[in-house]
Amino acid sequence: MYYVYVLVDKISRKKYIGYTSDLKRRLNEHLTSKGAKFTRNGDWRLVYYEAYSSKKDAMTRENKLKKDGRTKYHLIRRIEDSLTDQN
């Protein structure tokens, strides 16, 4: 399986979108500052993910979310409460 996921920084409220084949490992990398340069030194929380059986589908979805403002806007609106929930 491949996953497209959204992280939010607990302090700055910045969002990060990524994809991976191992969600637990990738989340741990972000939390230990071994993830993407953008996520280093943050306190990240997983707020959303989608699962795909195709790597190509996951990569296409991640790319669409990162580059198409309207697509990202609709996702962010759909998970709005999860982004602000402190639990």
C-alpha atoms as a PDB file:
ATOM      1  CA  MET A   1       0.000   0.000   0.000  1.00  0.00           C
ATOM      2  CA  TYR A   2       0.991   3.616  -0.584  1.00  0.00           C
ATOM      3  CA  TYR A   3      -0.211   6.527   1.495  1.00  0.00           C
ATOM      4  CA  VAL A   4      -0.749  10.220   0.889  1.00  0.00           C
ATOM      5  CA  TYR A   5      -0.748  12.010   4.214  1.00  0.00           C
ATOM      6  CA  VAL A   6      -1.142  15.417   5.820  1.00  0.00           C
ATOM      7  CA  LEU A   7       0.838  16.526   8.851  1.00  0.00           C
ATOM      8  CA  VAL A   8       0.270  19.688  10.862  1.00  0.00           C
ATOM      9  CA  ASP A   9       2.793  21.340  13.164  1.00  0.00           C
ATOM     10  CA  LYS A  10       1.284  21.701  16.633  1.00  0.00           C
ATOM     11  CA  ILE A  11       2.804  25.143  17.201  1.00  0.00           C
ATOM     12  CA  SER A  12       3.071  26.922  13.847  1.00  0.00           C
ATOM     13  CA  ARG A  13      -0.013  25.184  12.316  1.00  0.00           C
ATOM     14  CA  LYS A  14       1.961  24.678   9.068  1.00  0.00           C
ATOM     15  CA  LYS A  15       0.827  21.775   6.935  1.00  0.00           C
ATOM     16  CA  TYR A  16       2.929  19.188   5.104  1.00  0.00           C
ATOM     17  CA  ILE A  17       1.694  16.798   2.406  1.00  0.00           C
ATOM     18  CA  GLY A  18       3.673  13.710   1.459  1.00  0.00           C
ATOM     19  CA  TYR A  19       3.434  10.134   0.258  1.00  0.00           C
ATOM     20  CA  THR A  20       5.088   6.915   1.403  1.00  0.00           C
ATOM     21  CA  SER A  21       4.829   3.145   1.349  1.00  0.00           C
ATOM     22  CA  ASP A  22       5.453   2.920   5.118  1.00  0.00           C
ATOM     23  CA  LEU A  23       3.399   5.473   7.004  1.00  0.00           C
ATOM     24  CA  LYS A  24       4.619   4.585  10.517  1.00  0.00           C
ATOM     25  CA  ARG A  25       8.295   4.765   9.511  1.00  0.00           C
ATOM     26  CA  ARG A  26       7.810   8.018   7.604  1.00  0.00           C
ATOM     27  CA  LEU A  27       5.937   9.669  10.463  1.00  0.00           C
ATOM     28  CA  ASN A  28       8.710   8.635  12.844  1.00  0.00           C
ATOM     29  CA  GLU A  29      11.263  10.206  10.476  1.00  0.00           C
ATOM     30  CA  HIS A  30       9.359  13.488  10.525  1.00  0.00           C
ATOM     31  CA  LEU A  31       9.139  13.406  14.315  1.00  0.00           C
ATOM     32  CA  THR A  32      12.870  12.739  14.736  1.00  0.00           C
ATOM     33  CA  SER A  33      13.921  15.469  12.265  1.00  0.00           C
ATOM     34  CA  LYS A  34      15.009  12.919   9.655  1.00  0.00           C
ATOM     35  CA  GLY A  35      12.088  13.673   7.358  1.00  0.00           C
ATOM     36  CA  ALA A  36      11.763  16.297   4.662  1.00  0.00           C
ATOM     37  CA  LYS A  37      13.752  19.499   5.146  1.00  0.00           C
ATOM     38  CA  PHE A  38      10.479  21.393   5.606  1.00  0.00           C
ATOM     39  CA  THR A  39       9.497  19.257   8.610  1.00  0.00           C
ATOM     40  CA  ARG A  40      12.746  19.355  10.567  1.00  0.00           C
ATOM     41  CA  ASN A  41      12.557  20.737  14.103  1.00  0.00           C
ATOM     42  CA  GLY A  42       8.774  20.676  14.190  1.00  0.00           C
ATOM     43  CA  ASP A  43       6.253  18.972  16.420  1.00  0.00           C
ATOM     44  CA  TRP A  44       4.192  17.241  13.731  1.00  0.00           C
ATOM     45  CA  ARG A  45       0.904  15.425  14.073  1.00  0.00           C
ATOM     46  CA  LEU A  46      -0.689  13.134  11.490  1.00  0.00           C
ATOM     47  CA  VAL A  47      -4.172  14.464  10.754  1.00  0.00           C
ATOM     48  CA  TYR A  48      -5.156  12.688   7.536  1.00  0.00           C
ATOM     49  CA  TYR A  49      -4.140   9.943   5.141  1.00  0.00           C
ATOM     50  CA  GLU A  50      -5.432   8.151   2.058  1.00  0.00           C
ATOM     51  CA  ALA A  51      -4.379   4.628   1.019  1.00  0.00           C
ATOM     52  CA  TYR A  52      -3.658   3.510  -2.548  1.00  0.00           C
ATOM     53  CA  SER A  53      -2.630   0.137  -3.931  1.00  0.00           C
ATOM     54  CA  SER A  54      -0.821   1.876  -6.806  1.00  0.00           C
ATOM     55  CA  LYS A  55       2.349   3.910  -6.264  1.00  0.00           C
ATOM     56  CA  LYS A  56       1.524   5.940  -9.365  1.00  0.00           C
ATOM     57  CA  ASP A  57      -1.921   6.847  -8.005  1.00  0.00           C
ATOM     58  CA  ALA A  58      -0.433   7.973  -4.680  1.00  0.00           C
ATOM     59  CA  MET A  59       2.252  10.054  -6.392  1.00  0.00           C
ATOM     60  CA  THR A  60      -0.333  11.643  -8.707  1.00  0.00           C
ATOM     61  CA  ARG A  61      -2.589  12.528  -5.768  1.00  0.00           C
ATOM     62  CA  GLU A  62       0.286  13.998  -3.722  1.00  0.00           C
ATOM     63  CA  ASN A  63       1.405  16.048  -6.720  1.00  0.00           C
ATOM     64  CA  LYS A  64      -2.135  17.289  -7.334  1.00  0.00           C
ATOM     65  CA  LEU A  65      -2.518  18.346  -3.688  1.00  0.00           C
ATOM     66  CA  LYS A  66       0.812  20.166  -3.703  1.00  0.00           C
ATOM     67  CA  LYS A  67       0.416  21.941  -7.046  1.00  0.00           C
ATOM     68  CA  ASP A  68      -3.314  22.520  -7.468  1.00  0.00           C
ATOM     69  CA  GLY A  69      -4.526  25.111  -4.982  1.00  0.00           C
ATOM     70  CA  ARG A  70      -8.171  24.267  -5.504  1.00  0.00           C
ATOM     71  CA  THR A  71      -7.664  20.565  -4.789  1.00  0.00           C
ATOM     72  CA  LYS A  72      -5.651  21.361  -1.662  1.00  0.00           C
ATOM     73  CA  TYR A  73      -8.246  23.924  -0.565  1.00  0.00           C
ATOM     74  CA  HIS A  74     -11.061  21.349  -0.763  1.00  0.00           C
ATOM     75  CA  LEU A  75      -9.089  18.790   1.240  1.00  0.00           C
ATOM     76  CA  ILE A  76      -8.108  21.333   3.900  1.00  0.00           C
ATOM     77  CA  ARG A  77     -11.741  22.437   4.229  1.00  0.00           C
ATOM     78  CA  ARG A  78     -12.836  18.814   4.587  1.00  0.00           C
ATOM     79  CA  ILE A  79     -10.366  18.146   7.427  1.00  0.00           C
ATOM     80  CA  GLU A  80     -10.583  21.595   9.020  1.00  0.00           C
ATOM     81  CA  ASP A  81     -11.576  20.355  12.486  1.00  0.00           C
ATOM     82  CA  SER A  82      -8.761  17.792  12.516  1.00  0.00           C
ATOM     83  CA  LEU A  83      -6.229  20.540  11.776  1.00  0.00           C
ATOM     84  CA  THR A  84      -7.243  22.553  14.829  1.00  0.00           C
ATOM     85  CA  ASP A  85      -7.984  19.686  17.241  1.00  0.00           C
ATOM     86  CA  GLN A  86      -5.268  19.561  19.916  1.00  0.00           C
ATOM     87  CA  ASN A  87      -5.775  15.852  20.833  1.00  0.00           C
END
